[in-house]
N, C-alpha and C. Protein backbone atom coordinates (compact mmCIF):
# COMPACT_ATOMS: atom_id res chain seq x y z
N MET A 1 -9.39 -5.38 8.61
CA MET A 1 -9.91 -6.60 7.02
C MET A 1 -8.52 -6.75 6.65
N LEU A 2 -8.42 -7.81 6.44
CA LEU A 2 -7.12 -8.72 5.80
C LEU A 2 -7.39 -8.85 4.72
N VAL A 3 -6.22 -7.75 3.70
CA VAL A 3 -6.35 -8.40 2.79
C VAL A 3 -4.71 -8.65 2.18
N ASP A 4 -4.49 -9.68 1.67
CA ASP A 4 -3.88 -10.84 1.02
C ASP A 4 -3.82 -11.00 -0.63
N ALA A 5 -2.51 -9.80 -1.08
CA ALA A 5 -3.03 -10.62 -2.71
C ALA A 5 -2.54 -11.38 -3.16
N ASN A 6 -2.14 -12.44 -2.46
CA ASN A 6 -1.45 -13.82 -2.95
C ASN A 6 -1.80 -15.08 -1.88
N PRO A 7 -3.25 -15.31 -1.19
CA PRO A 7 -3.77 -15.74 -0.34
C PRO A 7 -3.22 -17.31 -0.65
N THR A 8 -2.89 -17.93 -1.19
CA THR A 8 -1.85 -19.13 -1.50
C THR A 8 -0.79 -19.16 -1.23
N SER A 9 0.40 -18.05 -1.21
CA SER A 9 1.17 -17.95 -0.63
C SER A 9 1.42 -17.98 0.97
N PHE A 10 2.79 -18.59 1.68
CA PHE A 10 2.89 -18.88 3.01
C PHE A 10 4.52 -17.68 3.30
N ASP A 11 3.52 -16.83 4.14
CA ASP A 11 4.68 -15.88 4.52
C ASP A 11 4.73 -15.18 5.72
N VAL A 12 6.66 -14.42 5.60
CA VAL A 12 6.83 -14.19 7.17
C VAL A 12 5.75 -13.05 7.57
N GLY A 13 5.29 -12.45 8.29
CA GLY A 13 4.66 -11.13 8.93
C GLY A 13 5.70 -10.35 8.77
N GLY A 14 5.09 -9.26 8.28
CA GLY A 14 6.12 -7.94 8.01
C GLY A 14 6.36 -6.34 8.98
N SER A 15 6.68 -5.53 8.29
CA SER A 15 6.22 -4.25 9.34
C SER A 15 5.02 -4.04 9.38
N GLY A 16 4.68 -2.83 10.45
CA GLY A 16 3.20 -2.91 10.41
C GLY A 16 3.26 -1.82 10.81
N VAL A 17 2.25 -0.23 10.56
CA VAL A 17 2.43 0.73 12.02
C VAL A 17 0.41 0.71 11.69
N GLU A 18 0.07 1.33 13.11
CA GLU A 18 -0.83 1.85 13.13
C GLU A 18 -1.52 3.23 12.55
N LEU A 19 -2.94 2.75 12.32
CA LEU A 19 -3.21 4.00 11.26
C LEU A 19 -3.96 5.11 11.97
N HIS A 20 -3.99 6.72 12.21
CA HIS A 20 -4.85 7.18 12.47
C HIS A 20 -5.16 8.36 12.01
N ALA A 21 -6.89 8.89 12.02
CA ALA A 21 -7.35 10.07 11.53
C ALA A 21 -6.52 11.09 12.53
N ARG A 22 -6.46 12.48 11.77
CA ARG A 22 -6.46 13.85 11.99
C ARG A 22 -7.14 13.95 13.78
N ASN A 23 -7.93 13.08 14.14
CA ASN A 23 -8.63 13.58 15.34
C ASN A 23 -8.39 12.47 16.39
N GLY A 24 -7.31 11.55 15.54
CA GLY A 24 -6.32 10.41 16.50
C GLY A 24 -7.24 9.51 16.92
N ARG A 25 -8.30 9.37 16.09
CA ARG A 25 -9.30 7.93 16.45
C ARG A 25 -8.42 6.76 15.15
N ASN A 26 -8.41 5.93 16.22
CA ASN A 26 -8.23 4.39 15.61
C ASN A 26 -8.49 4.02 14.19
N LEU A 27 -7.33 4.40 12.98
CA LEU A 27 -8.68 2.99 12.01
C LEU A 27 -8.07 2.06 11.54
N GLY A 28 -7.08 1.30 12.48
CA GLY A 28 -6.94 0.17 12.12
C GLY A 28 -4.84 -0.19 11.88
N ARG A 29 -4.60 -0.98 11.51
CA ARG A 29 -2.82 -1.11 10.87
C ARG A 29 -2.92 -1.77 10.17
N LEU A 30 -1.83 -1.16 9.37
CA LEU A 30 -1.57 -1.37 8.55
C LEU A 30 0.14 -2.30 8.59
N GLN A 31 0.01 -3.75 7.85
CA GLN A 31 1.09 -4.81 7.31
C GLN A 31 1.66 -5.20 6.65
N ILE A 32 2.69 -5.16 6.36
CA ILE A 32 3.04 -5.31 5.30
C ILE A 32 3.99 -6.86 5.06
N THR A 33 4.60 -7.08 3.50
CA THR A 33 5.63 -8.61 4.01
C THR A 33 5.93 -8.55 2.45
N VAL A 34 6.83 -8.75 2.70
CA VAL A 34 7.85 -8.44 1.05
C VAL A 34 8.97 -9.99 1.09
N GLN A 35 8.34 -10.93 1.69
CA GLN A 35 9.27 -11.94 2.10
C GLN A 35 8.41 -13.15 2.06
N ASP A 36 8.25 -14.25 0.89
CA ASP A 36 7.67 -15.12 1.08
C ASP A 36 8.24 -16.43 1.64
N ILE A 37 7.83 -17.41 2.07
CA ILE A 37 9.03 -18.47 2.99
C ILE A 37 9.39 -18.92 1.96
N ILE A 38 9.04 -19.27 1.14
CA ILE A 38 10.31 -19.71 0.03
C ILE A 38 11.67 -18.98 -0.63
N GLY A 39 11.30 -17.99 -0.73
CA GLY A 39 12.33 -16.68 -0.73
C GLY A 39 13.30 -16.51 0.43
N PHE A 40 12.00 -16.89 1.53
CA PHE A 40 13.20 -16.85 3.30
C PHE A 40 14.19 -17.61 3.10
N ILE A 41 14.19 -19.05 2.67
CA ILE A 41 14.97 -20.45 2.83
C ILE A 41 16.18 -19.79 2.09
N LYS A 42 14.96 -19.94 0.61
CA LYS A 42 16.13 -19.73 -0.61
C LYS A 42 17.40 -18.85 -0.36
N LEU A 43 17.01 -17.41 0.64
CA LEU A 43 17.72 -16.18 1.10
C LEU A 43 18.88 -16.83 2.22
N MET A 44 18.41 -17.23 3.38
CA MET A 44 19.00 -18.30 3.87
C MET A 44 20.05 -19.06 3.89
N HIS A 45 19.74 -19.86 2.98
CA HIS A 45 20.83 -20.98 2.79
C HIS A 45 21.43 -20.36 1.14
N LYS A 46 21.60 -19.38 0.54
CA LYS A 46 22.33 -18.68 0.10
C LYS A 46 23.66 -18.00 0.81
N LEU A 47 23.21 -17.24 1.53
CA LEU A 47 24.17 -15.88 2.53
C LEU A 47 24.33 -16.54 3.66
N ASN A 48 23.74 -17.54 4.42
CA ASN A 48 24.44 -18.50 5.51
C ASN A 48 24.61 -19.75 5.86
N ALA A 49 24.48 -20.55 4.81
CA ALA A 49 24.94 -22.02 4.08
C ALA A 49 24.36 -22.25 5.33
N ALA A 50 22.65 -21.89 5.49
CA ALA A 50 21.49 -22.53 6.59
C ALA A 50 20.66 -23.72 5.73
N ASP A 51 20.14 -24.46 6.14
CA ASP A 51 19.03 -25.16 5.48
C ASP A 51 18.19 -25.15 7.00
N VAL A 52 16.90 -24.68 6.06
CA VAL A 52 15.35 -24.20 6.79
C VAL A 52 14.58 -25.50 6.64
N VAL A 53 13.91 -25.39 7.92
CA VAL A 53 12.45 -26.18 7.75
C VAL A 53 11.62 -25.03 8.50
N VAL A 54 10.35 -24.26 8.21
CA VAL A 54 9.49 -23.80 8.37
C VAL A 54 7.80 -24.68 8.42
N ARG A 55 7.27 -24.72 9.66
CA ARG A 55 6.56 -25.12 9.78
C ARG A 55 5.20 -24.26 10.32
N SER A 56 3.53 -24.44 10.39
CA SER A 56 2.69 -23.11 10.61
C SER A 56 1.93 -23.93 11.83
N ALA A 57 1.11 -23.37 12.62
CA ALA A 57 0.29 -24.14 13.24
C ALA A 57 -0.79 -24.72 12.85
N ALA A 58 -1.37 -24.05 11.04
CA ALA A 58 -1.99 -25.39 10.29
C ALA A 58 -1.16 -26.54 9.53
N GLY A 59 -0.33 -26.41 9.60
CA GLY A 59 0.32 -27.58 9.05
C GLY A 59 0.83 -27.56 7.78
N HIS A 60 1.32 -26.28 7.29
CA HIS A 60 2.20 -25.74 5.98
C HIS A 60 3.41 -26.09 6.58
N MET A 61 3.71 -26.65 5.16
CA MET A 61 5.60 -26.93 5.43
C MET A 61 6.25 -26.37 4.50
N ARG A 62 8.15 -25.88 4.55
CA ARG A 62 8.48 -25.87 3.42
C ARG A 62 9.71 -25.99 4.29
N THR A 63 10.81 -26.56 2.74
CA THR A 63 12.36 -26.42 3.35
C THR A 63 12.77 -26.97 2.48
N SER A 64 14.37 -26.51 2.55
CA SER A 64 15.72 -26.60 1.64
C SER A 64 16.15 -27.90 2.17
N LEU A 65 15.68 -28.82 2.73
CA LEU A 65 16.23 -29.55 3.45
C LEU A 65 15.46 -31.12 3.01
N PRO A 66 14.80 -31.86 2.26
CA PRO A 66 14.05 -32.58 1.90
C PRO A 66 13.54 -33.24 3.44
N ALA A 67 15.01 -34.07 3.29
CA ALA A 67 15.33 -35.03 4.90
C ALA A 67 14.61 -35.11 5.53
N ALA A 68 14.70 -33.41 6.11
CA ALA A 68 14.16 -32.61 7.24
C ALA A 68 12.67 -33.10 7.42
N ALA A 69 11.99 -32.67 6.23
CA ALA A 69 10.99 -32.60 5.91
C ALA A 69 9.51 -33.24 7.79
N LYS A 70 10.00 -34.17 7.37
CA LYS A 70 8.40 -35.41 8.63
C LYS A 70 9.36 -35.18 9.97
N LEU A 71 10.60 -35.09 9.95
CA LEU A 71 11.30 -35.58 11.43
C LEU A 71 10.72 -34.56 12.63
N SER A 72 10.27 -34.94 13.81
CA SER A 72 10.72 -33.74 15.04
C SER A 72 11.85 -33.23 14.89
N LEU A 73 11.76 -32.19 15.03
CA LEU A 73 13.27 -31.30 15.44
C LEU A 73 13.40 -31.10 17.08
N PRO A 74 14.72 -30.61 17.63
CA PRO A 74 14.90 -29.92 18.49
C PRO A 74 14.84 -28.92 18.48
N SER A 75 14.24 -28.06 19.26
CA SER A 75 14.67 -26.47 19.90
C SER A 75 15.88 -25.36 18.91
N SER A 76 16.64 -26.18 19.72
CA SER A 76 18.45 -27.01 19.90
C SER A 76 19.25 -27.48 20.16
N GLY A 77 20.19 -27.55 19.88
CA GLY A 77 20.94 -28.62 20.39
C GLY A 77 21.53 -29.06 18.58
N CYS A 78 21.62 -30.41 18.68
CA CYS A 78 21.88 -31.43 17.44
C CYS A 78 21.43 -32.43 17.32
N THR A 79 21.35 -32.57 15.73
CA THR A 79 20.63 -34.11 15.22
C THR A 79 21.01 -34.24 13.83
N HIS A 80 20.46 -35.66 14.18
CA HIS A 80 21.56 -36.31 12.70
C HIS A 80 20.55 -36.80 11.81
N ILE A 81 20.58 -36.37 10.67
CA ILE A 81 19.59 -36.31 9.23
C ILE A 81 20.17 -37.28 8.86
N GLY A 82 19.80 -38.35 7.90
CA GLY A 82 20.93 -39.07 7.16
C GLY A 82 22.26 -39.25 8.13
N SER A 83 23.51 -38.78 6.89
CA SER A 83 24.50 -39.40 7.69
C SER A 83 24.92 -38.06 7.31
N HIS A 84 24.18 -36.71 8.15
CA HIS A 84 24.55 -35.81 8.72
C HIS A 84 24.39 -35.34 10.15
N THR A 85 25.40 -35.01 10.74
CA THR A 85 25.24 -34.17 11.76
C THR A 85 25.02 -33.01 11.50
N TYR A 86 23.50 -31.83 11.85
CA TYR A 86 23.34 -30.18 11.74
C TYR A 86 23.38 -30.07 13.62
N VAL A 87 23.50 -28.89 13.49
CA VAL A 87 23.63 -28.09 14.74
C VAL A 87 21.95 -26.62 14.41
N VAL A 88 20.85 -27.40 15.60
CA VAL A 88 19.91 -26.86 14.79
C VAL A 88 19.39 -25.30 16.11
N ARG A 89 18.77 -24.89 16.10
CA ARG A 89 18.16 -23.37 16.41
C ARG A 89 17.01 -23.11 15.82
N SER A 90 15.66 -23.08 16.61
CA SER A 90 14.57 -22.84 16.32
C SER A 90 14.36 -21.48 16.84
N PHE A 91 13.23 -21.04 16.25
CA PHE A 91 12.88 -19.16 16.56
C PHE A 91 10.94 -19.57 16.24
N ASN A 92 10.38 -18.79 16.92
CA ASN A 92 8.75 -18.83 16.76
C ASN A 92 8.85 -17.09 16.14
N GLU A 93 8.18 -17.39 14.64
CA GLU A 93 7.20 -15.84 14.18
C GLU A 93 5.99 -16.39 13.89
N THR A 94 5.40 -15.36 12.88
CA THR A 94 3.46 -15.33 13.21
C THR A 94 4.05 -14.90 11.47
N SER A 95 2.67 -14.99 10.96
CA SER A 95 2.89 -15.63 9.14
C SER A 95 1.96 -14.48 9.04
N PHE A 96 1.70 -14.21 7.94
CA PHE A 96 1.31 -12.22 7.28
C PHE A 96 -0.10 -12.45 7.79
N THR A 97 -0.93 -13.67 7.97
CA THR A 97 -1.78 -13.97 8.81
C THR A 97 -2.79 -14.13 9.85
N GLY A 98 -1.41 -13.79 10.31
CA GLY A 98 -1.40 -14.27 12.41
C GLY A 98 -1.36 -15.96 12.82
N GLU A 99 -0.49 -16.61 11.80
CA GLU A 99 -0.67 -17.80 11.99
C GLU A 99 0.98 -18.18 13.13
N PRO A 100 0.83 -18.72 13.89
CA PRO A 100 2.22 -18.82 14.32
C PRO A 100 3.25 -19.90 13.28
N LEU A 101 4.38 -19.45 13.41
CA LEU A 101 4.94 -20.56 12.54
C LEU A 101 6.33 -20.39 13.29
N THR A 102 7.03 -21.89 13.32
CA THR A 102 8.30 -22.26 13.82
C THR A 102 9.06 -22.53 12.70
N ILE A 103 9.93 -22.03 13.02
CA ILE A 103 11.29 -21.90 12.24
C ILE A 103 12.96 -22.56 12.46
N TRP A 104 13.42 -23.31 11.71
CA TRP A 104 14.30 -24.18 12.17
C TRP A 104 15.45 -23.72 11.55
N LEU A 105 16.82 -23.57 11.89
CA LEU A 105 17.73 -23.53 11.10
C LEU A 105 18.98 -24.31 11.44
N LEU A 106 19.36 -24.94 10.68
CA LEU A 106 19.91 -26.63 10.52
C LEU A 106 21.51 -25.81 9.49
N THR A 107 22.48 -25.85 10.49
CA THR A 107 23.76 -25.78 10.51
C THR A 107 24.67 -27.32 10.47
N ALA A 108 25.59 -27.67 9.07
CA ALA A 108 26.61 -28.90 9.23
C ALA A 108 27.45 -28.64 10.01
N ALA A 109 26.70 -29.89 11.06
CA ALA A 109 28.41 -29.53 12.05
C ALA A 109 29.54 -29.83 11.81
């Protein structure tokens, strides 16, 4: 059973643990997240001076760089957005609800 306290949020999947009864029977999996996508983007931008684009398989998108919102971004390398050049690196993650996410980190070159 999935319990999502805020179903309108857009979260990165967090830590999890299998739950077992005393007799060893599997009760399920407990998985939590403490960081939503907007908070993750703000943290990356603050700590690493990197811009972030996050897209889900269902079409959700959040970014700290609005000019990149609708662009096709490479998985790695360099890209030009407006008059700026960015070094790009992407990775895949899973949302709290199990939805595939692609996260791009963009650093000014």
